[in-house]
Amino acid sequence: MIDLVKKAMFAGVGAAVVTKEKVEKSLQDMVEKGKMTADEAKDLSNKIIEAGEKETEQARNEASRLFTDMLNRAKVATQDQIESLEKRIRELEGRWHREFPNDGENS
């Protein structure tokens, strides 16, 4: 399952790189043909890249949310949940030893 998610994310990153290269090439072609200035192409490229970064971040957040939801449905503990339980155990053990300090000596 995790490998599938990783592959999907890497595919998305690869697609973003290819798209960026195509955008830059298309804009460079338009500059060479005199359809826009280099400054216009640079501004447009920056706007497209910024929009792409926002969409990528939104997709990353959504994928993370969906992945966490899948883990919860599968009843798989997250690292945060495990750490929280470990902390509770340490606190309970500390309380136990304070309330019953001689309990371990008689065993």
C-alpha atoms as a PDB file:
ATOM      1  CA  MET A   1       0.000   0.000   0.000  1.00  0.00           C
ATOM      2  CA  ILE A   2       2.746   2.442   0.971  1.00  0.00           C
ATOM      3  CA  ASP A   3       4.704   1.616  -2.192  1.00  0.00           C
ATOM      4  CA  LEU A   4       1.641   2.422  -4.283  1.00  0.00           C
ATOM      5  CA  VAL A   5       1.298   5.825  -2.598  1.00  0.00           C
ATOM      6  CA  LYS A   6       5.013   6.533  -3.073  1.00  0.00           C
ATOM      7  CA  LYS A   7       4.817   5.610  -6.758  1.00  0.00           C
ATOM      8  CA  ALA A   8       1.826   7.889  -7.237  1.00  0.00           C
ATOM      9  CA  MET A   9       3.612  10.780  -5.542  1.00  0.00           C
ATOM     10  CA  PHE A  10       6.784  10.257  -7.586  1.00  0.00           C
ATOM     11  CA  ALA A  11       4.696  10.129 -10.759  1.00  0.00           C
ATOM     12  CA  GLY A  12       3.131  13.439  -9.772  1.00  0.00           C
ATOM     13  CA  VAL A  13       6.537  15.017  -9.176  1.00  0.00           C
ATOM     14  CA  GLY A  14       7.777  13.686 -12.509  1.00  0.00           C
ATOM     15  CA  ALA A  15       4.731  15.082 -14.275  1.00  0.00           C
ATOM     16  CA  ALA A  16       5.293  18.468 -12.637  1.00  0.00           C
ATOM     17  CA  VAL A  17       8.904  18.589 -13.852  1.00  0.00           C
ATOM     18  CA  VAL A  18       7.922  17.619 -17.392  1.00  0.00           C
ATOM     19  CA  THR A  19       5.096  20.176 -17.375  1.00  0.00           C
ATOM     20  CA  LYS A  20       7.415  22.938 -16.141  1.00  0.00           C
ATOM     21  CA  GLU A  21       9.894  22.123 -18.899  1.00  0.00           C
ATOM     22  CA  LYS A  22       7.119  22.160 -21.519  1.00  0.00           C
ATOM     23  CA  VAL A  23       5.791  25.497 -20.239  1.00  0.00           C
ATOM     24  CA  GLU A  24       9.255  27.046 -20.340  1.00  0.00           C
ATOM     25  CA  LYS A  25       9.867  25.660 -23.849  1.00  0.00           C
ATOM     26  CA  SER A  26       6.494  26.928 -25.097  1.00  0.00           C
ATOM     27  CA  LEU A  27       7.096  30.376 -23.632  1.00  0.00           C
ATOM     28  CA  GLN A  28      10.605  30.482 -25.108  1.00  0.00           C
ATOM     29  CA  ASP A  29       9.134  29.571 -28.516  1.00  0.00           C
ATOM     30  CA  MET A  30       6.625  32.424 -28.189  1.00  0.00           C
ATOM     31  CA  VAL A  31       9.432  34.855 -27.349  1.00  0.00           C
ATOM     32  CA  GLU A  32      11.446  33.660 -30.346  1.00  0.00           C
ATOM     33  CA  LYS A  33       8.413  34.133 -32.595  1.00  0.00           C
ATOM     34  CA  GLY A  34       7.904  37.656 -31.239  1.00  0.00           C
ATOM     35  CA  LYS A  35       4.507  36.875 -29.706  1.00  0.00           C
ATOM     36  CA  MET A  36       5.651  38.080 -26.268  1.00  0.00           C
ATOM     37  CA  THR A  37       8.643  39.694 -24.661  1.00  0.00           C
ATOM     38  CA  ALA A  38      11.140  37.880 -22.485  1.00  0.00           C
ATOM     39  CA  ASP A  39       9.831  39.797 -19.444  1.00  0.00           C
ATOM     40  CA  GLU A  40       6.240  38.778 -20.238  1.00  0.00           C
ATOM     41  CA  ALA A  41       7.339  35.168 -20.625  1.00  0.00           C
ATOM     42  CA  LYS A  42       9.210  35.305 -17.319  1.00  0.00           C
ATOM     43  CA  ASP A  43       6.198  36.825 -15.513  1.00  0.00           C
ATOM     44  CA  LEU A  44       3.823  34.265 -17.013  1.00  0.00           C
ATOM     45  CA  SER A  45       6.218  31.432 -16.190  1.00  0.00           C
ATOM     46  CA  ASN A  46       6.425  32.623 -12.570  1.00  0.00           C
ATOM     47  CA  LYS A  47       2.627  32.798 -12.322  1.00  0.00           C
ATOM     48  CA  ILE A  48       2.227  29.317 -13.786  1.00  0.00           C
ATOM     49  CA  ILE A  49       4.903  27.892 -11.478  1.00  0.00           C
ATOM     50  CA  GLU A  50       3.325  29.587  -8.442  1.00  0.00           C
ATOM     51  CA  ALA A  51      -0.105  28.205  -9.344  1.00  0.00           C
ATOM     52  CA  GLY A  52       1.426  24.768  -9.875  1.00  0.00           C
ATOM     53  CA  GLU A  53       3.148  24.894  -6.493  1.00  0.00           C
ATOM     54  CA  LYS A  54      -0.127  25.795  -4.797  1.00  0.00           C
ATOM     55  CA  GLU A  55      -1.918  22.937  -6.544  1.00  0.00           C
ATOM     56  CA  THR A  56       0.911  20.557  -5.640  1.00  0.00           C
ATOM     57  CA  GLU A  57       0.709  21.583  -1.976  1.00  0.00           C
ATOM     58  CA  GLN A  58      -3.063  21.135  -1.990  1.00  0.00           C
ATOM     59  CA  ALA A  59      -2.684  17.712  -3.612  1.00  0.00           C
ATOM     60  CA  ARG A  60       0.003  16.755  -1.084  1.00  0.00           C
ATOM     61  CA  ASN A  61      -2.254  17.794   1.812  1.00  0.00           C
ATOM     62  CA  GLU A  62      -5.203  15.904   0.356  1.00  0.00           C
ATOM     63  CA  ALA A  63      -3.078  12.794  -0.246  1.00  0.00           C
ATOM     64  CA  SER A  64      -1.787  12.966   3.313  1.00  0.00           C
ATOM     65  CA  ARG A  65      -5.324  13.309   4.660  1.00  0.00           C
ATOM     66  CA  LEU A  66      -6.548  10.393   2.550  1.00  0.00           C
ATOM     67  CA  PHE A  67      -3.578   8.247   3.542  1.00  0.00           C
ATOM     68  CA  THR A  68      -4.160   8.983   7.244  1.00  0.00           C
ATOM     69  CA  ASP A  69      -7.834   8.177   6.792  1.00  0.00           C
ATOM     70  CA  MET A  70      -6.943   4.842   5.154  1.00  0.00           C
ATOM     71  CA  LEU A  71      -4.601   4.008   8.034  1.00  0.00           C
ATOM     72  CA  ASN A  72      -7.312   4.844  10.548  1.00  0.00           C
ATOM     73  CA  ARG A  73      -9.840   2.675   8.728  1.00  0.00           C
ATOM     74  CA  ALA A  74      -7.345  -0.175   8.603  1.00  0.00           C
ATOM     75  CA  LYS A  75      -6.780   0.339  12.341  1.00  0.00           C
ATOM     76  CA  VAL A  76      -3.044   0.899  11.847  1.00  0.00           C
ATOM     77  CA  ALA A  77      -1.470   3.035  14.559  1.00  0.00           C
ATOM     78  CA  THR A  78       0.398   6.146  13.474  1.00  0.00           C
ATOM     79  CA  GLN A  79       3.772   7.106  14.941  1.00  0.00           C
ATOM     80  CA  ASP A  80       2.085   9.947  16.871  1.00  0.00           C
ATOM     81  CA  GLN A  81      -0.408   7.520  18.388  1.00  0.00           C
ATOM     82  CA  ILE A  82       2.353   5.095  19.373  1.00  0.00           C
ATOM     83  CA  GLU A  83       4.397   7.888  20.942  1.00  0.00           C
ATOM     84  CA  SER A  84       1.333   9.097  22.832  1.00  0.00           C
ATOM     85  CA  LEU A  85       0.722   5.599  24.214  1.00  0.00           C
ATOM     86  CA  GLU A  86       4.382   5.232  25.186  1.00  0.00           C
ATOM     87  CA  LYS A  87       4.204   8.533  27.065  1.00  0.00           C
ATOM     88  CA  ARG A  88       1.056   7.411  28.900  1.00  0.00           C
ATOM     89  CA  ILE A  89       2.729   4.125  29.854  1.00  0.00           C
ATOM     90  CA  ARG A  90       5.782   5.955  31.237  1.00  0.00           C
ATOM     91  CA  GLU A  91       3.526   8.285  33.233  1.00  0.00           C
ATOM     92  CA  LEU A  92       1.484   5.357  34.624  1.00  0.00           C
ATOM     93  CA  GLU A  93       4.616   3.421  35.505  1.00  0.00           C
ATOM     94  CA  GLY A  94       5.951   6.495  37.306  1.00  0.00           C
ATOM     95  CA  ARG A  95       2.721   6.856  39.268  1.00  0.00           C
ATOM     96  CA  TRP A  96       2.724   3.138  40.082  1.00  0.00           C
ATOM     97  CA  HIS A  97       6.291   3.274  41.419  1.00  0.00           C
ATOM     98  CA  ARG A  98       5.519   6.393  43.499  1.00  0.00           C
ATOM     99  CA  GLU A  99       2.356   4.860  45.000  1.00  0.00           C
ATOM    100  CA  PHE A 100       3.787   1.363  45.491  1.00  0.00           C
ATOM    101  CA  PRO A 101       7.564   1.853  45.912  1.00  0.00           C
ATOM    102  CA  ASN A 102       8.198  -1.555  47.487  1.00  0.00           C
ATOM    103  CA  ASP A 103       6.076  -3.562  45.038  1.00  0.00           C
ATOM    104  CA  GLY A 104       9.057  -4.698  42.968  1.00  0.00           C
ATOM    105  CA  GLU A 105      11.161  -5.767  45.976  1.00  0.00           C
ATOM    106  CA  ASN A 106       8.898  -8.678  46.976  1.00  0.00           C
ATOM    107  CA  SER A 107       8.862 -10.309  43.564  1.00  0.00           C
END
